[in-house]
Amino acid sequence: MSRPGLTYRFAKRTLDLLGAAFLLLVLAPVLLVLWVLVRTKMGSPALFRQERAGRNARPFIMVKFRSMLDARDADGKSLPDAQRLTPLGRFLRRSSLDELPQLWNVLKGDMSFVGPRPLYLEYVPRYSPTQARRLEVKPGITGLAQITGRNAIEWADRLAIDVDYVERASFLLDLEILLRTVRKVIKSEGIPATGLGNTKFMGAPDTQVAKRKP
């Protein structure tokens, strides 16, 4: 089994740092407008913060724009996602604009532009030894599983694709993923209406996936 080399990781971190700094500067007006819209339509806070598992399962706080109201029933329990998701929230998710604040995570070094999507810390003990290899690299804003089907594929296949990425990580593959991500976003493919593409991961058997050429 192979893993990304030090030269690749160092160069990738340099490009992540420069790219995130540049995009945060260029997109600052867009981020400000979105922050105002979310704050106005859904209240405070405009940003959604949640602890996720980073490289080697190190916890970090991932940030996104809010897309759901904090609506609760008479017992104080959160209403189903479909009832809390607003029209603005649907637009943000369909366009992937809700992910833009994660540029800050990339700048800090918690995430990369490309890598397996960061999942909940509670999932880590449920991975098989093979599935846990997805934690050998930094999580990404986009990844091989996202261009393959985003949230519309089963957990076992999704995790297998993440491991496939770890074993084949390269600049050429990263570039292909970024280019195909743009196409996916434009077509709004693989984005479930309620925003949660999968049920909670409770464990899944290892599965094999066809190697995807860049």
C-alpha atoms as a PDB file:
ATOM      1  CA  MET A   1       0.000   0.000   0.000  1.00  0.00           C
ATOM      2  CA  SER A   2       1.304   3.439  -0.921  1.00  0.00           C
ATOM      3  CA  ARG A   3       0.721   6.807   0.627  1.00  0.00           C
ATOM      4  CA  PRO A   4       1.405  10.358  -0.554  1.00  0.00           C
ATOM      5  CA  GLY A   5       5.105  11.258  -0.304  1.00  0.00           C
ATOM      6  CA  LEU A   6       6.591  14.147   1.641  1.00  0.00           C
ATOM      7  CA  THR A   7       7.431  16.135  -1.486  1.00  0.00           C
ATOM      8  CA  TYR A   8       3.870  15.880  -2.747  1.00  0.00           C
ATOM      9  CA  ARG A   9       2.436  16.820   0.664  1.00  0.00           C
ATOM     10  CA  PHE A  10       4.755  19.815   1.048  1.00  0.00           C
ATOM     11  CA  ALA A  11       4.015  21.117  -2.441  1.00  0.00           C
ATOM     12  CA  LYS A  12       0.296  20.517  -1.975  1.00  0.00           C
ATOM     13  CA  ARG A  13       0.294  22.434   1.311  1.00  0.00           C
ATOM     14  CA  THR A  14       2.092  25.344  -0.363  1.00  0.00           C
ATOM     15  CA  LEU A  15      -0.476  25.458  -3.168  1.00  0.00           C
ATOM     16  CA  ASP A  16      -3.335  25.141  -0.657  1.00  0.00           C
ATOM     17  CA  LEU A  17      -1.962  28.046   1.369  1.00  0.00           C
ATOM     18  CA  LEU A  18      -1.471  30.324  -1.620  1.00  0.00           C
ATOM     19  CA  GLY A  19      -4.756  29.310  -3.259  1.00  0.00           C
ATOM     20  CA  ALA A  20      -6.839  29.767  -0.117  1.00  0.00           C
ATOM     21  CA  ALA A  21      -5.282  33.164   0.658  1.00  0.00           C
ATOM     22  CA  PHE A  22      -5.892  34.342  -2.907  1.00  0.00           C
ATOM     23  CA  LEU A  23      -9.498  33.118  -3.046  1.00  0.00           C
ATOM     24  CA  LEU A  24     -10.373  34.553   0.369  1.00  0.00           C
ATOM     25  CA  LEU A  25      -9.093  37.926  -0.804  1.00  0.00           C
ATOM     26  CA  VAL A  26     -10.840  37.823  -4.192  1.00  0.00           C
ATOM     27  CA  LEU A  27     -14.085  36.384  -2.835  1.00  0.00           C
ATOM     28  CA  ALA A  28     -14.277  38.635   0.228  1.00  0.00           C
ATOM     29  CA  PRO A  29     -17.181  40.699  -1.242  1.00  0.00           C
ATOM     30  CA  VAL A  30     -19.094  37.498  -2.097  1.00  0.00           C
ATOM     31  CA  LEU A  31     -18.501  36.086   1.369  1.00  0.00           C
ATOM     32  CA  LEU A  32     -19.710  39.339   2.936  1.00  0.00           C
ATOM     33  CA  VAL A  33     -22.908  39.377   0.861  1.00  0.00           C
ATOM     34  CA  LEU A  34     -23.626  35.732   1.695  1.00  0.00           C
ATOM     35  CA  TRP A  35     -22.964  36.372   5.386  1.00  0.00           C
ATOM     36  CA  VAL A  36     -25.456  39.257   5.380  1.00  0.00           C
ATOM     37  CA  LEU A  37     -28.081  37.194   3.510  1.00  0.00           C
ATOM     38  CA  VAL A  38     -27.764  34.221   5.846  1.00  0.00           C
ATOM     39  CA  ARG A  39     -27.790  36.458   8.923  1.00  0.00           C
ATOM     40  CA  THR A  40     -30.884  38.273   7.639  1.00  0.00           C
ATOM     41  CA  LYS A  41     -32.849  35.232   6.481  1.00  0.00           C
ATOM     42  CA  MET A  42     -31.845  32.695   9.134  1.00  0.00           C
ATOM     43  CA  GLY A  43     -30.569  34.703  12.045  1.00  0.00           C
ATOM     44  CA  SER A  44     -27.367  34.457  14.031  1.00  0.00           C
ATOM     45  CA  PRO A  45     -24.902  32.865  13.751  1.00  0.00           C
ATOM     46  CA  ALA A  46     -24.431  32.973   9.993  1.00  0.00           C
ATOM     47  CA  LEU A  47     -21.705  30.355  10.141  1.00  0.00           C
ATOM     48  CA  PHE A  48     -22.221  26.723  11.077  1.00  0.00           C
ATOM     49  CA  ARG A  49     -19.353  25.253  13.081  1.00  0.00           C
ATOM     50  CA  GLN A  50     -18.942  21.554  13.800  1.00  0.00           C
ATOM     51  CA  GLU A  51     -16.159  19.309  15.031  1.00  0.00           C
ATOM     52  CA  ARG A  52     -14.904  16.861  12.402  1.00  0.00           C
ATOM     53  CA  ALA A  53     -12.073  14.343  12.092  1.00  0.00           C
ATOM     54  CA  GLY A  54      -8.993  15.610  10.296  1.00  0.00           C
ATOM     55  CA  ARG A  55      -5.794  13.877   9.232  1.00  0.00           C
ATOM     56  CA  ASN A  56      -4.900  11.050  11.616  1.00  0.00           C
ATOM     57  CA  ALA A  57      -8.329  11.591  13.246  1.00  0.00           C
ATOM     58  CA  ARG A  58      -7.212  14.897  14.779  1.00  0.00           C
ATOM     59  CA  PRO A  59     -10.353  16.918  15.614  1.00  0.00           C
ATOM     60  CA  PHE A  60     -10.867  20.359  14.118  1.00  0.00           C
ATOM     61  CA  ILE A  61     -13.759  22.806  13.739  1.00  0.00           C
ATOM     62  CA  MET A  62     -15.141  22.904  10.190  1.00  0.00           C
ATOM     63  CA  VAL A  63     -17.018  26.044   9.145  1.00  0.00           C
ATOM     64  CA  LYS A  64     -19.805  26.462   6.585  1.00  0.00           C
ATOM     65  CA  PHE A  65     -22.605  28.919   5.950  1.00  0.00           C
ATOM     66  CA  ARG A  66     -25.799  27.950   7.730  1.00  0.00           C
ATOM     67  CA  SER A  67     -28.494  26.459   5.525  1.00  0.00           C
ATOM     68  CA  MET A  68     -31.107  25.432   8.119  1.00  0.00           C
ATOM     69  CA  LEU A  69     -33.161  27.128  10.794  1.00  0.00           C
ATOM     70  CA  ASP A  70     -32.803  26.118  14.418  1.00  0.00           C
ATOM     71  CA  ALA A  71     -36.475  25.127  14.584  1.00  0.00           C
ATOM     72  CA  ARG A  72     -37.644  22.761  17.330  1.00  0.00           C
ATOM     73  CA  ASP A  73     -40.820  20.982  18.318  1.00  0.00           C
ATOM     74  CA  ALA A  74     -42.749  21.382  21.568  1.00  0.00           C
ATOM     75  CA  ASP A  75     -40.352  18.980  23.313  1.00  0.00           C
ATOM     76  CA  GLY A  76     -37.313  20.982  22.292  1.00  0.00           C
ATOM     77  CA  LYS A  77     -36.125  18.497  19.666  1.00  0.00           C
ATOM     78  CA  SER A  78     -34.894  19.703  16.307  1.00  0.00           C
ATOM     79  CA  LEU A  79     -37.410  19.363  13.497  1.00  0.00           C
ATOM     80  CA  PRO A  80     -36.521  17.142  10.501  1.00  0.00           C
ATOM     81  CA  ASP A  81     -33.959  18.643   8.122  1.00  0.00           C
ATOM     82  CA  ALA A  82     -36.530  18.969   5.332  1.00  0.00           C
ATOM     83  CA  GLN A  83     -38.578  21.304   7.537  1.00  0.00           C
ATOM     84  CA  ARG A  84     -35.603  23.380   8.667  1.00  0.00           C
ATOM     85  CA  LEU A  85     -33.935  23.786   5.278  1.00  0.00           C
ATOM     86  CA  THR A  86     -34.783  27.204   3.833  1.00  0.00           C
ATOM     87  CA  PRO A  87     -34.998  28.277   0.153  1.00  0.00           C
ATOM     88  CA  LEU A  88     -31.760  30.196   0.643  1.00  0.00           C
ATOM     89  CA  GLY A  89     -30.233  27.115   2.239  1.00  0.00           C
ATOM     90  CA  ARG A  90     -31.237  24.964  -0.733  1.00  0.00           C
ATOM     91  CA  PHE A  91     -29.623  27.470  -3.086  1.00  0.00           C
ATOM     92  CA  LEU A  92     -26.420  27.566  -1.033  1.00  0.00           C
ATOM     93  CA  ARG A  93     -26.163  23.779  -1.028  1.00  0.00           C
ATOM     94  CA  ARG A  94     -27.132  23.339  -4.674  1.00  0.00           C
ATOM     95  CA  SER A  95     -24.477  25.880  -5.703  1.00  0.00           C
ATOM     96  CA  SER A  96     -21.984  24.656  -3.035  1.00  0.00           C
ATOM     97  CA  LEU A  97     -21.601  28.266  -1.876  1.00  0.00           C
ATOM     98  CA  ASP A  98     -22.159  27.062   1.683  1.00  0.00           C
ATOM     99  CA  GLU A  99     -18.703  25.459   1.474  1.00  0.00           C
ATOM    100  CA  LEU A 100     -16.822  28.712   0.803  1.00  0.00           C
ATOM    101  CA  PRO A 101     -15.965  29.412   4.481  1.00  0.00           C
ATOM    102  CA  GLN A 102     -13.937  26.187   4.419  1.00  0.00           C
ATOM    103  CA  LEU A 103     -11.276  28.200   2.598  1.00  0.00           C
ATOM    104  CA  TRP A 104     -10.423  29.363   6.117  1.00  0.00           C
ATOM    105  CA  ASN A 105      -9.919  25.733   7.148  1.00  0.00           C
ATOM    106  CA  VAL A 106      -7.619  25.258   4.159  1.00  0.00           C
ATOM    107  CA  LEU A 107      -5.649  28.400   5.067  1.00  0.00           C
ATOM    108  CA  LYS A 108      -5.238  27.156   8.657  1.00  0.00           C
ATOM    109  CA  GLY A 109      -4.070  23.747   7.474  1.00  0.00           C
ATOM    110  CA  ASP A 110      -7.013  21.743   8.814  1.00  0.00           C
ATOM    111  CA  MET A 111      -8.141  20.858   5.296  1.00  0.00           C
ATOM    112  CA  SER A 112      -6.942  20.775   1.707  1.00  0.00           C
ATOM    113  CA  PHE A 113      -8.712  21.708  -1.507  1.00  0.00           C
ATOM    114  CA  VAL A 114      -8.783  18.009  -2.457  1.00  0.00           C
ATOM    115  CA  GLY A 115      -9.161  15.029  -0.135  1.00  0.00           C
ATOM    116  CA  PRO A 116     -11.785  12.829   1.501  1.00  0.00           C
ATOM    117  CA  ARG A 117     -14.626  14.892   2.970  1.00  0.00           C
ATOM    118  CA  PRO A 118     -14.289  15.415   6.747  1.00  0.00           C
ATOM    119  CA  LEU A 119     -16.733  13.224   8.648  1.00  0.00           C
ATOM    120  CA  TYR A 120     -17.871  13.076  12.261  1.00  0.00           C
ATOM    121  CA  LEU A 121     -15.413  12.026  14.960  1.00  0.00           C
ATOM    122  CA  GLU A 122     -17.897   9.422  16.154  1.00  0.00           C
ATOM    123  CA  TYR A 123     -17.422   7.551  12.870  1.00  0.00           C
ATOM    124  CA  VAL A 124     -13.698   6.939  13.404  1.00  0.00           C
ATOM    125  CA  PRO A 125     -14.056   3.817  15.643  1.00  0.00           C
ATOM    126  CA  ARG A 126     -16.540   2.364  13.133  1.00  0.00           C
ATOM    127  CA  TYR A 127     -14.092   2.294  10.225  1.00  0.00           C
ATOM    128  CA  SER A 128     -12.479  -0.977   9.267  1.00  0.00           C
ATOM    129  CA  PRO A 129      -8.642  -0.889   9.188  1.00  0.00           C
ATOM    130  CA  THR A 130      -8.840  -0.383   5.423  1.00  0.00           C
ATOM    131  CA  GLN A 131     -11.478   2.355   5.616  1.00  0.00           C
ATOM    132  CA  ALA A 132      -9.432   4.145   8.290  1.00  0.00           C
ATOM    133  CA  ARG A 133      -6.768   4.804   5.647  1.00  0.00           C
ATOM    134  CA  ARG A 134      -8.897   7.734   4.476  1.00  0.00           C
ATOM    135  CA  LEU A 135      -7.529   9.509   7.563  1.00  0.00           C
ATOM    136  CA  GLU A 136      -3.936   9.326   6.285  1.00  0.00           C
ATOM    137  CA  VAL A 137      -4.429  12.548   4.324  1.00  0.00           C
ATOM    138  CA  LYS A 138      -6.057  15.865   5.116  1.00  0.00           C
ATOM    139  CA  PRO A 139      -9.778  16.070   4.394  1.00  0.00           C
ATOM    140  CA  GLY A 140     -10.772  18.206   1.436  1.00  0.00           C
ATOM    141  CA  ILE A 141     -13.416  20.637   0.260  1.00  0.00           C
ATOM    142  CA  THR A 142     -13.896  18.227  -2.637  1.00  0.00           C
ATOM    143  CA  GLY A 143     -12.672  14.727  -3.356  1.00  0.00           C
ATOM    144  CA  LEU A 144     -12.797  11.671  -5.570  1.00  0.00           C
ATOM    145  CA  ALA A 145     -16.016  10.442  -3.951  1.00  0.00           C
ATOM    146  CA  GLN A 146     -17.666  13.821  -4.553  1.00  0.00           C
ATOM    147  CA  ILE A 147     -17.015  13.794  -8.293  1.00  0.00           C
ATOM    148  CA  THR A 148     -18.102  10.152  -8.428  1.00  0.00           C
ATOM    149  CA  GLY A 149     -21.494  10.727  -6.876  1.00  0.00           C
ATOM    150  CA  ARG A 150     -21.165  13.194  -3.990  1.00  0.00           C
ATOM    151  CA  ASN A 151     -23.655  12.093  -1.330  1.00  0.00           C
ATOM    152  CA  ALA A 152     -25.714   9.861  -3.610  1.00  0.00           C
ATOM    153  CA  ILE A 153     -23.583   6.712  -3.160  1.00  0.00           C
ATOM    154  CA  GLU A 154     -23.577   4.084  -0.427  1.00  0.00           C
ATOM    155  CA  TRP A 155     -21.253   4.404   2.541  1.00  0.00           C
ATOM    156  CA  ALA A 156     -19.157   1.329   1.717  1.00  0.00           C
ATOM    157  CA  ASP A 157     -18.471   2.553  -1.820  1.00  0.00           C
ATOM    158  CA  ARG A 158     -17.873   6.116  -0.684  1.00  0.00           C
ATOM    159  CA  LEU A 159     -15.231   5.056   1.843  1.00  0.00           C
ATOM    160  CA  ALA A 160     -13.621   2.684  -0.659  1.00  0.00           C
ATOM    161  CA  ILE A 161     -13.296   5.565  -3.122  1.00  0.00           C
ATOM    162  CA  ASP A 162     -11.684   7.689  -0.405  1.00  0.00           C
ATOM    163  CA  VAL A 163      -9.088   4.960   0.184  1.00  0.00           C
ATOM    164  CA  ASP A 164      -8.565   4.678  -3.568  1.00  0.00           C
ATOM    165  CA  TYR A 165      -7.718   8.391  -3.567  1.00  0.00           C
ATOM    166  CA  VAL A 166      -5.204   7.967  -0.734  1.00  0.00           C
ATOM    167  CA  GLU A 167      -3.428   5.204  -2.638  1.00  0.00           C
ATOM    168  CA  ARG A 168      -3.284   7.163  -5.911  1.00  0.00           C
ATOM    169  CA  ALA A 169      -2.944  10.766  -4.737  1.00  0.00           C
ATOM    170  CA  SER A 170      -1.052  12.923  -7.234  1.00  0.00           C
ATOM    171  CA  PHE A 171      -1.147  16.413  -8.705  1.00  0.00           C
ATOM    172  CA  LEU A 172      -2.682  15.062 -11.899  1.00  0.00           C
ATOM    173  CA  LEU A 173      -5.492  13.357  -9.969  1.00  0.00           C
ATOM    174  CA  ASP A 174      -6.056  16.459  -7.823  1.00  0.00           C
ATOM    175  CA  LEU A 175      -6.311  18.625 -10.932  1.00  0.00           C
ATOM    176  CA  GLU A 176      -8.806  16.227 -12.517  1.00  0.00           C
ATOM    177  CA  ILE A 177     -10.909  16.250  -9.341  1.00  0.00           C
ATOM    178  CA  LEU A 178     -10.944  20.050  -9.207  1.00  0.00           C
ATOM    179  CA  LEU A 179     -11.962  20.365 -12.856  1.00  0.00           C
ATOM    180  CA  ARG A 180     -14.697  17.758 -12.542  1.00  0.00           C
ATOM    181  CA  THR A 181     -15.915  19.392  -9.320  1.00  0.00           C
ATOM    182  CA  VAL A 182     -16.621  22.597 -11.220  1.00  0.00           C
ATOM    183  CA  ARG A 183     -18.723  20.621 -13.701  1.00  0.00           C
ATOM    184  CA  LYS A 184     -20.585  18.844 -10.887  1.00  0.00           C
ATOM    185  CA  VAL A 185     -21.361  22.119  -9.140  1.00  0.00           C
ATOM    186  CA  ILE A 186     -22.624  23.732 -12.331  1.00  0.00           C
ATOM    187  CA  LYS A 187     -24.914  20.756 -12.985  1.00  0.00           C
ATOM    188  CA  SER A 188     -25.883  20.447  -9.282  1.00  0.00           C
ATOM    189  CA  GLU A 189     -25.323  16.691  -9.465  1.00  0.00           C
ATOM    190  CA  GLY A 190     -25.431  14.376  -6.457  1.00  0.00           C
ATOM    191  CA  ILE A 191     -26.870  16.911  -4.013  1.00  0.00           C
ATOM    192  CA  PRO A 192     -29.865  15.551  -2.080  1.00  0.00           C
ATOM    193  CA  ALA A 193     -32.817  17.860  -1.582  1.00  0.00           C
ATOM    194  CA  THR A 194     -32.675  17.696   2.200  1.00  0.00           C
ATOM    195  CA  GLY A 195     -28.941  18.228   2.368  1.00  0.00           C
ATOM    196  CA  LEU A 196     -28.142  14.937   4.102  1.00  0.00           C
ATOM    197  CA  GLY A 197     -27.082  12.494   1.442  1.00  0.00           C
ATOM    198  CA  ASN A 198     -26.661   9.523   3.733  1.00  0.00           C
ATOM    199  CA  THR A 199     -27.973   8.084   6.928  1.00  0.00           C
ATOM    200  CA  LYS A 200     -25.480   8.014   9.773  1.00  0.00           C
ATOM    201  CA  PHE A 201     -22.522   5.722   9.239  1.00  0.00           C
ATOM    202  CA  MET A 202     -22.880   2.796  11.635  1.00  0.00           C
ATOM    203  CA  GLY A 203     -20.204   0.636  10.023  1.00  0.00           C
ATOM    204  CA  ALA A 204     -20.010  -1.030   6.617  1.00  0.00           C
ATOM    205  CA  PRO A 205     -18.040  -3.910   5.086  1.00  0.00           C
ATOM    206  CA  ASP A 206     -15.025  -3.186   2.928  1.00  0.00           C
ATOM    207  CA  THR A 207     -15.763  -3.057  -0.778  1.00  0.00           C
ATOM    208  CA  GLN A 208     -13.673  -2.784  -3.905  1.00  0.00           C
ATOM    209  CA  VAL A 209     -14.082  -0.019  -6.449  1.00  0.00           C
ATOM    210  CA  ALA A 210     -12.861   0.193 -10.003  1.00  0.00           C
ATOM    211  CA  LYS A 211      -9.721   2.303 -10.279  1.00  0.00           C
ATOM    212  CA  ARG A 212     -10.629   5.624 -11.833  1.00  0.00           C
ATOM    213  CA  LYS A 213      -8.056   7.014 -14.230  1.00  0.00           C
ATOM    214  CA  PRO A 214      -7.392  10.759 -14.013  1.00  0.00           C
END
